[in-house]
Each structure stands twice: as structure tokens, then as C-alpha cells.
Amino acid sequence: MKPASETAVLRDLWTTSPRYRQLYQPPDEIDAVISLLEMEQATALADIGCGNGAFTIAAARRANPDCRVWAFDALQSAVDVCRESAARELGEGRIVTGVAPAEQIPLPDGSVDRILCRAVLHHLADAQRVYEEFARVLKPGGLLLLQAPCNSWQKEWGKIISALYMVFDDSHPRQYHQPADVIAGLNAAGLAMSSFSIRL
């Protein structure tokens, strides 16, 4: 099976949705997430699965002017909105955008000390490949903030939830990983966890 980001028809149901912004991008949520990134000490950030750029723009605002900021998404529609919003709110060139799947981040090894990846993992078929890509581009001592819907119940529930979503969007099956599997995968890629939390 190909990773979801490499499929021919991946529908963008989020980028321009006011309801999505209301539910998943309220100002207090954005502020809480960006605070965890400690952007004041960052030298380079990659937002993987940037969507409309709401979190990328907030991170760039919090960072010092010399901090380089990249925003990547597998969807051209998302990258276009992110680029336009960033240019309007921060000026041309403050955020470098590009179309790229999470499995193939177009950056050199050890090029960033911050990675943000929100609401992306469940869209990808090969999570381990993504963890290894994070480890490749992250500098030693860097910080990865990974936020994803997980399956905290029986493994079979993940398949049931995915099947329900396929009724509304059959472009790709979702992968609802169990938290323990995510932690094990990150550790296998050489990424050590400093904190972990579950919200229901």
C-alpha cells in the first residue's frame, strides 16, 4: 500500500473549512502548542503537514527573526493557502513553503532543531518511515512535537474508526495507532521522548 500522501486522489477537507478552524485551530490551542516548541530558542523549524499554516505562522511570530521556518504539506491546496497567509501576515519569504509528503522531507540531514507535526500521522500508511525521516532532519538535541489522534482502546477499534471515516472520505484509510506503538516507533528511530500526554 502506498503512503496516503502518495495517493493520486487525496481530498482536502480541511484547509479552507471554517468548521475545522473553529474546532481544531482556536487561538488558545495554537498558543498552547507553540509554547511547547520553545520557539524563542529555535534556529530552524519544519512544520510537516502544515495545512493552512495557522500553527506555522504562530510559530514564526514567536521565533527570533533569524530562525528559518519551513512549511510542507502533501496537498498543493494547503501549501497555496499557507504561502498566501504567511506572505500577508508576515511578509514574503519569512516562511518557505513546499509540497512534500511527510515520508520525504526535502531538507538535509540535521537541518532543523524543531519539528512540528500535527494531525498528520493517521493519514500515513507507514508511520515508521516518517519517524525515521524526522530523526534524519532533526539536529541532535532538537525537539519534535508530534500531535495525532490515536487509538487508546483495543487495536480493532482503529480499523472500525477508519472504516467509518471511509464513508465520508474514501480517498485513503486512516491509521489510528496505539500510543505505545507510537512511542516504540519513535524510540526505534532514535528519538527519545521527554513528555507524553493523552487528551480524550
N, C-alpha and C. Protein backbone atom coordinates (compact mmCIF):
# COMPACT_ATOMS: atom_id res chain seq x y z
N MET A 1 0.83 -1.19 0.00
CA MET A 1 0.00 0.00 0.00
C MET A 1 0.87 1.25 0.00
N LYS A 2 0.55 2.22 -0.81
CA LYS A 2 1.30 3.46 -0.83
C LYS A 2 0.93 4.31 0.38
N PRO A 3 1.89 5.16 0.86
CA PRO A 3 1.51 6.11 1.89
C PRO A 3 0.40 7.00 1.38
N ALA A 4 -0.47 7.45 2.28
CA ALA A 4 -1.61 8.27 1.85
C ALA A 4 -1.15 9.50 1.10
N SER A 5 0.01 10.06 1.49
CA SER A 5 0.48 11.28 0.84
C SER A 5 0.94 11.03 -0.59
N GLU A 6 1.06 9.77 -1.01
CA GLU A 6 1.47 9.47 -2.38
C GLU A 6 0.30 9.00 -3.24
N THR A 7 -0.89 8.96 -2.69
CA THR A 7 -2.03 8.51 -3.48
C THR A 7 -2.43 9.57 -4.47
N ALA A 8 -3.09 9.15 -5.54
CA ALA A 8 -3.44 10.07 -6.62
C ALA A 8 -4.55 11.03 -6.22
N VAL A 9 -5.49 10.55 -5.40
CA VAL A 9 -6.63 11.39 -5.04
C VAL A 9 -6.75 11.53 -3.53
N LEU A 10 -6.13 12.53 -2.99
CA LEU A 10 -6.27 12.84 -1.58
C LEU A 10 -7.05 14.14 -1.49
N ARG A 11 -8.26 14.05 -0.96
CA ARG A 11 -9.12 15.22 -0.92
C ARG A 11 -8.77 16.13 0.26
N ASP A 12 -8.78 17.42 0.00
CA ASP A 12 -8.50 18.40 1.03
C ASP A 12 -9.82 18.85 1.66
N LEU A 13 -10.11 18.32 2.84
CA LEU A 13 -11.36 18.63 3.52
C LEU A 13 -11.15 19.64 4.66
N TRP A 14 -9.94 20.17 4.78
CA TRP A 14 -9.60 20.92 5.99
C TRP A 14 -9.13 22.35 5.75
N THR A 15 -8.33 22.58 4.73
CA THR A 15 -7.59 23.83 4.60
C THR A 15 -8.46 25.07 4.68
N THR A 16 -9.56 25.08 3.96
CA THR A 16 -10.40 26.29 3.92
C THR A 16 -11.69 26.12 4.71
N SER A 17 -11.78 25.10 5.53
CA SER A 17 -13.01 24.83 6.28
C SER A 17 -13.10 25.69 7.55
N PRO A 18 -14.07 26.58 7.63
CA PRO A 18 -14.25 27.38 8.86
C PRO A 18 -14.52 26.49 10.08
N ARG A 19 -15.24 25.40 9.86
CA ARG A 19 -15.55 24.49 10.96
C ARG A 19 -14.28 23.83 11.50
N TYR A 20 -13.38 23.45 10.60
CA TYR A 20 -12.12 22.85 11.03
C TYR A 20 -11.32 23.85 11.87
N ARG A 21 -11.24 25.08 11.40
CA ARG A 21 -10.52 26.12 12.15
C ARG A 21 -11.13 26.31 13.53
N GLN A 22 -12.45 26.33 13.58
CA GLN A 22 -13.14 26.54 14.84
C GLN A 22 -12.87 25.40 15.84
N LEU A 23 -12.91 24.18 15.35
CA LEU A 23 -12.75 23.02 16.22
C LEU A 23 -11.30 22.73 16.60
N TYR A 24 -10.39 22.86 15.61
CA TYR A 24 -9.03 22.36 15.81
C TYR A 24 -7.95 23.44 15.80
N GLN A 25 -8.33 24.69 15.52
CA GLN A 25 -7.33 25.75 15.49
C GLN A 25 -7.78 27.00 16.26
N PRO A 26 -8.43 26.83 17.41
CA PRO A 26 -8.78 28.02 18.19
C PRO A 26 -7.51 28.67 18.71
N PRO A 27 -7.52 29.96 18.97
CA PRO A 27 -6.30 30.66 19.41
C PRO A 27 -5.64 30.05 20.63
N ASP A 28 -6.42 29.57 21.61
CA ASP A 28 -5.80 29.01 22.80
C ASP A 28 -5.08 27.70 22.51
N GLU A 29 -5.60 26.91 21.57
CA GLU A 29 -4.93 25.66 21.17
C GLU A 29 -3.62 25.97 20.44
N ILE A 30 -3.68 26.92 19.53
CA ILE A 30 -2.47 27.31 18.80
C ILE A 30 -1.40 27.81 19.78
N ASP A 31 -1.80 28.64 20.70
CA ASP A 31 -0.85 29.20 21.67
C ASP A 31 -0.24 28.10 22.54
N ALA A 32 -1.07 27.15 22.99
CA ALA A 32 -0.58 26.06 23.84
C ALA A 32 0.44 25.20 23.10
N VAL A 33 0.14 24.88 21.85
CA VAL A 33 1.05 24.04 21.06
C VAL A 33 2.37 24.76 20.79
N ILE A 34 2.29 26.01 20.37
CA ILE A 34 3.51 26.75 20.04
C ILE A 34 4.37 26.97 21.28
N SER A 35 3.74 27.14 22.43
CA SER A 35 4.51 27.31 23.67
C SER A 35 5.39 26.09 23.94
N LEU A 36 4.89 24.90 23.61
CA LEU A 36 5.66 23.67 23.84
C LEU A 36 6.90 23.60 22.95
N LEU A 37 6.88 24.31 21.84
CA LEU A 37 8.02 24.26 20.91
C LEU A 37 9.20 25.12 21.37
N GLU A 38 8.98 25.99 22.35
CA GLU A 38 10.06 26.85 22.84
C GLU A 38 10.77 27.56 21.69
N MET A 39 9.97 28.25 20.88
CA MET A 39 10.49 28.86 19.66
C MET A 39 11.50 29.97 19.91
N GLU A 40 11.50 30.53 21.10
CA GLU A 40 12.45 31.61 21.39
C GLU A 40 13.90 31.14 21.29
N GLN A 41 14.13 29.83 21.53
CA GLN A 41 15.49 29.28 21.43
C GLN A 41 15.75 28.55 20.12
N ALA A 42 14.77 28.50 19.23
CA ALA A 42 14.89 27.71 18.00
C ALA A 42 15.72 28.44 16.95
N THR A 43 16.43 27.64 16.13
CA THR A 43 17.16 28.21 14.99
C THR A 43 16.53 27.82 13.66
N ALA A 44 15.77 26.72 13.64
CA ALA A 44 15.13 26.28 12.40
C ALA A 44 13.97 25.35 12.73
N LEU A 45 12.82 25.59 12.10
CA LEU A 45 11.61 24.80 12.31
C LEU A 45 11.10 24.26 10.99
N ALA A 46 10.67 23.00 11.00
CA ALA A 46 9.94 22.43 9.87
C ALA A 46 8.56 22.01 10.38
N ASP A 47 7.52 22.56 9.75
CA ASP A 47 6.15 22.15 10.05
C ASP A 47 5.75 21.14 8.98
N ILE A 48 5.56 19.90 9.40
CA ILE A 48 5.26 18.81 8.47
C ILE A 48 3.76 18.54 8.49
N GLY A 49 3.12 18.78 7.34
CA GLY A 49 1.66 18.72 7.27
C GLY A 49 1.10 20.05 7.75
N CYS A 50 1.60 21.12 7.18
CA CYS A 50 1.31 22.48 7.67
C CYS A 50 -0.14 22.91 7.49
N GLY A 51 -0.86 22.27 6.56
CA GLY A 51 -2.24 22.69 6.32
C GLY A 51 -2.32 24.15 5.93
N ASN A 52 -3.25 24.88 6.53
CA ASN A 52 -3.44 26.29 6.17
C ASN A 52 -2.39 27.22 6.77
N GLY A 53 -1.48 26.68 7.55
CA GLY A 53 -0.38 27.49 8.08
C GLY A 53 -0.64 28.19 9.39
N ALA A 54 -1.78 27.93 10.01
CA ALA A 54 -2.12 28.63 11.25
C ALA A 54 -1.06 28.44 12.33
N PHE A 55 -0.57 27.21 12.48
CA PHE A 55 0.42 26.93 13.52
C PHE A 55 1.81 27.39 13.07
N THR A 56 2.11 27.25 11.80
CA THR A 56 3.41 27.70 11.28
C THR A 56 3.58 29.19 11.48
N ILE A 57 2.57 29.95 11.14
CA ILE A 57 2.62 31.40 11.25
C ILE A 57 2.78 31.81 12.71
N ALA A 58 2.04 31.16 13.59
CA ALA A 58 2.16 31.46 15.02
C ALA A 58 3.57 31.15 15.54
N ALA A 59 4.14 30.04 15.06
CA ALA A 59 5.50 29.67 15.48
C ALA A 59 6.51 30.70 14.98
N ALA A 60 6.36 31.12 13.74
CA ALA A 60 7.29 32.11 13.16
C ALA A 60 7.20 33.43 13.91
N ARG A 61 6.00 33.79 14.33
CA ARG A 61 5.84 35.02 15.11
C ARG A 61 6.57 34.94 16.45
N ARG A 62 6.56 33.75 17.05
CA ARG A 62 7.17 33.56 18.37
C ARG A 62 8.70 33.47 18.27
N ALA A 63 9.20 33.06 17.11
CA ALA A 63 10.64 32.84 16.95
C ALA A 63 11.40 34.15 16.74
N ASN A 64 12.70 34.08 16.95
CA ASN A 64 13.52 35.25 16.64
C ASN A 64 13.62 35.39 15.12
N PRO A 65 13.91 36.58 14.61
CA PRO A 65 13.90 36.82 13.16
C PRO A 65 14.89 35.97 12.36
N ASP A 66 15.94 35.48 13.02
CA ASP A 66 16.95 34.67 12.31
C ASP A 66 16.55 33.20 12.20
N CYS A 67 15.51 32.79 12.88
CA CYS A 67 15.07 31.39 12.83
C CYS A 67 14.45 31.10 11.47
N ARG A 68 14.96 30.07 10.80
CA ARG A 68 14.41 29.68 9.50
C ARG A 68 13.18 28.81 9.71
N VAL A 69 12.15 29.04 8.89
CA VAL A 69 10.89 28.32 9.06
C VAL A 69 10.46 27.74 7.72
N TRP A 70 10.25 26.41 7.70
CA TRP A 70 9.74 25.72 6.52
C TRP A 70 8.37 25.15 6.83
N ALA A 71 7.51 25.12 5.82
CA ALA A 71 6.18 24.53 5.95
C ALA A 71 5.93 23.63 4.75
N PHE A 72 5.68 22.35 5.02
CA PHE A 72 5.45 21.37 3.96
C PHE A 72 4.10 20.68 4.15
N ASP A 73 3.48 20.35 3.04
CA ASP A 73 2.24 19.58 3.07
C ASP A 73 2.18 18.76 1.79
N ALA A 74 1.49 17.63 1.85
CA ALA A 74 1.34 16.79 0.66
C ALA A 74 0.32 17.37 -0.32
N LEU A 75 -0.49 18.31 0.14
CA LEU A 75 -1.55 18.89 -0.69
C LEU A 75 -1.16 20.27 -1.21
N GLN A 76 -1.20 20.43 -2.51
CA GLN A 76 -0.90 21.72 -3.11
C GLN A 76 -1.86 22.80 -2.61
N SER A 77 -3.13 22.44 -2.45
CA SER A 77 -4.13 23.41 -1.99
C SER A 77 -3.76 23.96 -0.62
N ALA A 78 -3.27 23.10 0.27
CA ALA A 78 -2.87 23.56 1.60
C ALA A 78 -1.65 24.47 1.52
N VAL A 79 -0.67 24.07 0.73
CA VAL A 79 0.55 24.87 0.60
C VAL A 79 0.23 26.25 0.02
N ASP A 80 -0.66 26.31 -0.94
CA ASP A 80 -1.04 27.60 -1.52
C ASP A 80 -1.64 28.53 -0.48
N VAL A 81 -2.55 28.00 0.35
CA VAL A 81 -3.18 28.82 1.38
C VAL A 81 -2.15 29.24 2.43
N CYS A 82 -1.30 28.30 2.84
CA CYS A 82 -0.26 28.62 3.82
C CYS A 82 0.66 29.72 3.29
N ARG A 83 1.10 29.60 2.06
CA ARG A 83 2.01 30.59 1.47
C ARG A 83 1.36 31.97 1.42
N GLU A 84 0.11 32.01 0.97
CA GLU A 84 -0.59 33.29 0.86
C GLU A 84 -0.82 33.92 2.23
N SER A 85 -1.22 33.12 3.20
CA SER A 85 -1.46 33.63 4.56
C SER A 85 -0.16 34.13 5.19
N ALA A 86 0.92 33.37 5.02
CA ALA A 86 2.21 33.76 5.59
C ALA A 86 2.71 35.06 4.98
N ALA A 87 2.58 35.19 3.66
CA ALA A 87 3.03 36.42 2.99
C ALA A 87 2.21 37.62 3.46
N ARG A 88 0.93 37.41 3.62
CA ARG A 88 0.04 38.51 4.04
C ARG A 88 0.32 38.92 5.49
N GLU A 89 0.54 37.94 6.36
CA GLU A 89 0.67 38.24 7.77
C GLU A 89 2.10 38.52 8.23
N LEU A 90 3.09 37.93 7.54
CA LEU A 90 4.48 38.05 7.99
C LEU A 90 5.41 38.68 6.96
N GLY A 91 4.95 38.78 5.73
CA GLY A 91 5.80 39.29 4.66
C GLY A 91 6.36 38.15 3.82
N GLU A 92 6.66 38.46 2.57
CA GLU A 92 7.20 37.47 1.63
C GLU A 92 8.51 36.88 2.14
N GLY A 93 8.62 35.56 2.03
CA GLY A 93 9.88 34.89 2.33
C GLY A 93 10.13 34.51 3.77
N ARG A 94 9.27 34.97 4.71
CA ARG A 94 9.52 34.60 6.11
C ARG A 94 9.35 33.11 6.33
N ILE A 95 8.37 32.51 5.65
CA ILE A 95 8.16 31.07 5.71
C ILE A 95 8.36 30.49 4.32
N VAL A 96 9.22 29.49 4.21
CA VAL A 96 9.45 28.81 2.93
C VAL A 96 8.51 27.63 2.87
N THR A 97 7.70 27.58 1.81
CA THR A 97 6.70 26.51 1.70
C THR A 97 7.04 25.57 0.55
N GLY A 98 6.48 24.37 0.63
CA GLY A 98 6.69 23.41 -0.45
C GLY A 98 5.75 22.22 -0.33
N VAL A 99 5.48 21.60 -1.47
CA VAL A 99 4.68 20.38 -1.49
C VAL A 99 5.62 19.20 -1.27
N ALA A 100 5.36 18.44 -0.22
CA ALA A 100 6.21 17.29 0.09
C ALA A 100 5.48 16.36 1.04
N PRO A 101 5.57 15.06 0.82
CA PRO A 101 5.00 14.10 1.78
C PRO A 101 5.86 14.03 3.03
N ALA A 102 5.25 13.67 4.13
CA ALA A 102 5.99 13.56 5.39
C ALA A 102 7.10 12.51 5.31
N GLU A 103 6.94 11.55 4.41
CA GLU A 103 7.95 10.49 4.27
C GLU A 103 9.18 10.95 3.50
N GLN A 104 9.13 12.12 2.88
CA GLN A 104 10.25 12.61 2.07
C GLN A 104 10.40 14.11 2.28
N ILE A 105 10.90 14.50 3.44
CA ILE A 105 11.08 15.92 3.76
C ILE A 105 12.27 16.45 2.97
N PRO A 106 12.07 17.48 2.16
CA PRO A 106 13.15 17.98 1.28
C PRO A 106 14.13 18.90 2.00
N LEU A 107 14.75 18.39 3.06
CA LEU A 107 15.74 19.13 3.82
C LEU A 107 16.94 18.23 4.07
N PRO A 108 18.13 18.81 4.23
CA PRO A 108 19.32 18.00 4.52
C PRO A 108 19.26 17.38 5.92
N ASP A 109 20.12 16.41 6.14
CA ASP A 109 20.23 15.78 7.46
C ASP A 109 20.56 16.84 8.51
N GLY A 110 19.96 16.73 9.67
CA GLY A 110 20.29 17.61 10.79
C GLY A 110 20.11 19.08 10.52
N SER A 111 19.08 19.43 9.79
CA SER A 111 18.93 20.83 9.36
C SER A 111 18.00 21.67 10.23
N VAL A 112 17.21 21.03 11.11
CA VAL A 112 16.29 21.80 11.96
C VAL A 112 16.42 21.36 13.42
N ASP A 113 16.12 22.28 14.33
CA ASP A 113 16.11 21.89 15.75
C ASP A 113 14.70 21.87 16.31
N ARG A 114 13.70 22.10 15.45
CA ARG A 114 12.30 21.97 15.84
C ARG A 114 11.52 21.34 14.68
N ILE A 115 10.69 20.35 15.01
CA ILE A 115 9.74 19.79 14.05
C ILE A 115 8.36 19.82 14.69
N LEU A 116 7.40 20.32 13.94
CA LEU A 116 6.00 20.30 14.36
C LEU A 116 5.24 19.41 13.38
N CYS A 117 4.50 18.46 13.90
CA CYS A 117 3.68 17.58 13.04
C CYS A 117 2.37 17.31 13.76
N ARG A 118 1.33 17.95 13.29
CA ARG A 118 0.00 17.85 13.92
C ARG A 118 -1.01 17.23 12.98
N ALA A 119 -1.80 16.31 13.50
CA ALA A 119 -2.94 15.75 12.77
C ALA A 119 -2.55 15.22 11.39
N VAL A 120 -1.40 14.56 11.33
CA VAL A 120 -0.89 14.02 10.07
C VAL A 120 -0.72 12.50 10.14
N LEU A 121 -0.25 12.02 11.28
CA LEU A 121 0.17 10.62 11.40
C LEU A 121 -0.92 9.63 10.98
N HIS A 122 -2.16 9.91 11.30
CA HIS A 122 -3.23 8.96 10.98
C HIS A 122 -3.56 8.90 9.49
N HIS A 123 -3.01 9.83 8.71
CA HIS A 123 -3.21 9.81 7.26
C HIS A 123 -2.13 9.00 6.53
N LEU A 124 -1.12 8.54 7.24
CA LEU A 124 0.05 7.92 6.62
C LEU A 124 0.06 6.41 6.84
N ALA A 125 0.40 5.69 5.79
CA ALA A 125 0.39 4.22 5.87
C ALA A 125 1.61 3.66 6.59
N ASP A 126 2.74 4.36 6.53
CA ASP A 126 3.97 3.83 7.10
C ASP A 126 4.53 4.81 8.13
N ALA A 127 4.05 4.70 9.35
CA ALA A 127 4.47 5.63 10.40
C ALA A 127 5.97 5.53 10.68
N GLN A 128 6.53 4.32 10.64
CA GLN A 128 7.95 4.16 10.97
C GLN A 128 8.83 4.93 10.00
N ARG A 129 8.45 4.92 8.74
CA ARG A 129 9.21 5.66 7.74
C ARG A 129 9.23 7.15 8.07
N VAL A 130 8.12 7.65 8.60
CA VAL A 130 8.03 9.07 8.96
C VAL A 130 8.88 9.36 10.20
N TYR A 131 8.84 8.48 11.20
CA TYR A 131 9.67 8.69 12.39
C TYR A 131 11.15 8.75 12.00
N GLU A 132 11.55 7.87 11.08
CA GLU A 132 12.95 7.86 10.66
C GLU A 132 13.31 9.13 9.89
N GLU A 133 12.36 9.66 9.16
CA GLU A 133 12.60 10.91 8.44
C GLU A 133 12.71 12.08 9.42
N PHE A 134 11.90 12.07 10.45
CA PHE A 134 12.03 13.08 11.50
C PHE A 134 13.43 13.02 12.11
N ALA A 135 13.86 11.81 12.45
CA ALA A 135 15.17 11.63 13.07
C ALA A 135 16.29 12.10 12.14
N ARG A 136 16.11 11.92 10.85
CA ARG A 136 17.13 12.32 9.88
C ARG A 136 17.32 13.84 9.84
N VAL A 137 16.23 14.59 9.80
CA VAL A 137 16.35 16.05 9.62
C VAL A 137 16.53 16.80 10.94
N LEU A 138 16.25 16.14 12.07
CA LEU A 138 16.33 16.82 13.36
C LEU A 138 17.76 16.82 13.89
N LYS A 139 18.22 17.98 14.32
CA LYS A 139 19.54 18.09 14.91
C LYS A 139 19.59 17.35 16.25
N PRO A 140 20.77 16.86 16.65
CA PRO A 140 20.89 16.26 17.99
C PRO A 140 20.46 17.27 19.04
N GLY A 141 19.62 16.83 19.97
CA GLY A 141 19.12 17.73 21.00
C GLY A 141 17.92 18.56 20.56
N GLY A 142 17.47 18.35 19.31
CA GLY A 142 16.31 19.09 18.81
C GLY A 142 15.01 18.58 19.42
N LEU A 143 13.92 19.26 19.07
CA LEU A 143 12.63 18.96 19.68
C LEU A 143 11.59 18.64 18.60
N LEU A 144 10.93 17.51 18.75
CA LEU A 144 9.83 17.11 17.88
C LEU A 144 8.53 17.21 18.67
N LEU A 145 7.55 17.94 18.14
CA LEU A 145 6.23 17.96 18.74
C LEU A 145 5.29 17.22 17.79
N LEU A 146 4.88 16.04 18.20
CA LEU A 146 4.02 15.18 17.39
C LEU A 146 2.66 15.08 18.07
N GLN A 147 1.63 15.55 17.37
CA GLN A 147 0.27 15.52 17.90
C GLN A 147 -0.59 14.75 16.91
N ALA A 148 -1.25 13.69 17.39
CA ALA A 148 -2.00 12.84 16.46
C ALA A 148 -3.16 12.16 17.17
N PRO A 149 -4.27 11.98 16.44
CA PRO A 149 -5.36 11.17 17.02
C PRO A 149 -4.90 9.72 17.09
N CYS A 150 -5.04 9.13 18.27
CA CYS A 150 -4.60 7.76 18.49
C CYS A 150 -5.76 6.89 18.93
N ASN A 151 -5.50 5.61 18.97
CA ASN A 151 -6.47 4.63 19.43
C ASN A 151 -6.00 4.10 20.78
N SER A 152 -6.66 4.56 21.84
CA SER A 152 -6.27 4.13 23.19
C SER A 152 -7.03 2.90 23.66
N TRP A 153 -7.82 2.30 22.78
CA TRP A 153 -8.62 1.14 23.15
C TRP A 153 -8.03 -0.11 22.49
N GLN A 154 -8.85 -1.10 22.22
CA GLN A 154 -8.40 -2.31 21.52
C GLN A 154 -7.93 -1.95 20.11
N LYS A 155 -6.94 -2.69 19.60
CA LYS A 155 -6.41 -2.38 18.26
C LYS A 155 -7.50 -2.40 17.20
N GLU A 156 -8.46 -3.30 17.35
CA GLU A 156 -9.52 -3.43 16.34
C GLU A 156 -10.34 -2.15 16.19
N TRP A 157 -10.40 -1.35 17.26
CA TRP A 157 -11.17 -0.11 17.19
C TRP A 157 -10.61 0.85 16.15
N GLY A 158 -9.29 0.82 15.97
CA GLY A 158 -8.69 1.69 14.96
C GLY A 158 -9.23 1.40 13.58
N LYS A 159 -9.41 0.12 13.26
CA LYS A 159 -9.95 -0.27 11.95
C LYS A 159 -11.41 0.14 11.81
N ILE A 160 -12.14 0.04 12.91
CA ILE A 160 -13.56 0.42 12.88
C ILE A 160 -13.70 1.93 12.64
N ILE A 161 -12.90 2.71 13.35
CA ILE A 161 -12.94 4.17 13.18
C ILE A 161 -12.56 4.54 11.75
N SER A 162 -11.53 3.89 11.22
CA SER A 162 -11.10 4.15 9.84
C SER A 162 -12.22 3.83 8.85
N ALA A 163 -12.90 2.71 9.06
CA ALA A 163 -14.00 2.32 8.17
C ALA A 163 -15.12 3.35 8.20
N LEU A 164 -15.40 3.90 9.36
CA LEU A 164 -16.44 4.93 9.46
C LEU A 164 -16.04 6.18 8.68
N TYR A 165 -14.78 6.60 8.78
CA TYR A 165 -14.33 7.77 8.04
C TYR A 165 -14.36 7.55 6.53
N MET A 166 -14.15 6.29 6.12
CA MET A 166 -14.18 5.98 4.69
C MET A 166 -15.55 6.24 4.07
N VAL A 167 -16.60 6.24 4.90
CA VAL A 167 -17.95 6.55 4.41
C VAL A 167 -18.00 7.99 3.91
N PHE A 168 -17.28 8.89 4.60
CA PHE A 168 -17.29 10.31 4.26
C PHE A 168 -16.18 10.71 3.30
N ASP A 169 -15.07 9.98 3.37
CA ASP A 169 -13.92 10.29 2.51
C ASP A 169 -13.17 8.99 2.23
N ASP A 170 -13.39 8.44 1.05
CA ASP A 170 -12.79 7.15 0.72
C ASP A 170 -11.46 7.29 -0.02
N SER A 171 -10.82 8.46 0.08
CA SER A 171 -9.56 8.66 -0.63
C SER A 171 -8.42 7.85 -0.02
N HIS A 172 -8.50 7.52 1.28
CA HIS A 172 -7.46 6.72 1.91
C HIS A 172 -7.94 6.24 3.28
N PRO A 173 -7.48 5.05 3.69
CA PRO A 173 -7.81 4.58 5.05
C PRO A 173 -6.98 5.32 6.08
N ARG A 174 -7.53 5.58 7.23
CA ARG A 174 -6.79 6.20 8.32
C ARG A 174 -6.12 5.12 9.17
N GLN A 175 -5.05 5.51 9.83
CA GLN A 175 -4.30 4.59 10.69
C GLN A 175 -4.31 5.16 12.10
N TYR A 176 -5.10 4.60 12.98
CA TYR A 176 -5.16 5.09 14.35
C TYR A 176 -4.27 4.23 15.23
N HIS A 177 -3.06 4.70 15.44
CA HIS A 177 -2.04 3.95 16.17
C HIS A 177 -2.30 4.00 17.67
N GLN A 178 -1.87 2.97 18.35
CA GLN A 178 -1.93 2.98 19.80
C GLN A 178 -0.73 3.76 20.35
N PRO A 179 -0.94 4.52 21.43
CA PRO A 179 0.16 5.33 21.96
C PRO A 179 1.45 4.56 22.19
N ALA A 180 1.34 3.34 22.71
CA ALA A 180 2.55 2.55 22.98
C ALA A 180 3.31 2.25 21.69
N ASP A 181 2.57 2.04 20.59
CA ASP A 181 3.22 1.77 19.30
C ASP A 181 3.93 3.01 18.76
N VAL A 182 3.32 4.17 18.97
CA VAL A 182 3.95 5.42 18.55
C VAL A 182 5.25 5.63 19.32
N ILE A 183 5.20 5.44 20.62
CA ILE A 183 6.40 5.61 21.46
C ILE A 183 7.49 4.63 21.03
N ALA A 184 7.12 3.38 20.82
CA ALA A 184 8.11 2.37 20.40
C ALA A 184 8.71 2.72 19.05
N GLY A 185 7.89 3.20 18.13
CA GLY A 185 8.38 3.58 16.81
C GLY A 185 9.35 4.75 16.86
N LEU A 186 9.03 5.74 17.66
CA LEU A 186 9.93 6.88 17.83
C LEU A 186 11.25 6.44 18.45
N ASN A 187 11.17 5.59 19.46
CA ASN A 187 12.40 5.09 20.10
C ASN A 187 13.25 4.30 19.11
N ALA A 188 12.60 3.48 18.28
CA ALA A 188 13.33 2.69 17.28
C ALA A 188 14.04 3.58 16.26
N ALA A 189 13.48 4.76 16.02
CA ALA A 189 14.10 5.70 15.08
C ALA A 189 15.21 6.53 15.74
N GLY A 190 15.39 6.33 17.05
CA GLY A 190 16.43 7.07 17.76
C GLY A 190 15.96 8.35 18.41
N LEU A 191 14.64 8.49 18.54
CA LEU A 191 14.08 9.69 19.16
C LEU A 191 13.62 9.37 20.57
N ALA A 192 14.14 10.09 21.55
CA ALA A 192 13.79 9.86 22.95
C ALA A 192 12.64 10.78 23.33
N MET A 193 11.70 10.27 24.10
CA MET A 193 10.54 11.06 24.50
C MET A 193 10.79 11.74 25.83
N SER A 194 10.49 13.06 25.87
CA SER A 194 10.65 13.79 27.12
C SER A 194 9.32 14.00 27.82
N SER A 195 8.22 14.03 27.06
CA SER A 195 6.90 14.13 27.68
C SER A 195 5.86 13.54 26.77
N PHE A 196 4.73 13.15 27.38
CA PHE A 196 3.67 12.48 26.64
C PHE A 196 2.36 12.77 27.36
N SER A 197 1.32 13.06 26.61
CA SER A 197 0.01 13.28 27.23
C SER A 197 -1.10 12.78 26.32
N ILE A 198 -2.20 12.38 26.92
CA ILE A 198 -3.37 11.92 26.19
C ILE A 198 -4.54 12.81 26.56
N ARG A 199 -5.26 13.29 25.53
CA ARG A 199 -6.48 14.04 25.78
C ARG A 199 -7.63 13.28 25.15
N LEU A 200 -8.70 13.10 25.87
CA LEU A 200 -9.86 12.38 25.36
C LEU A 200 -10.94 13.38 24.94
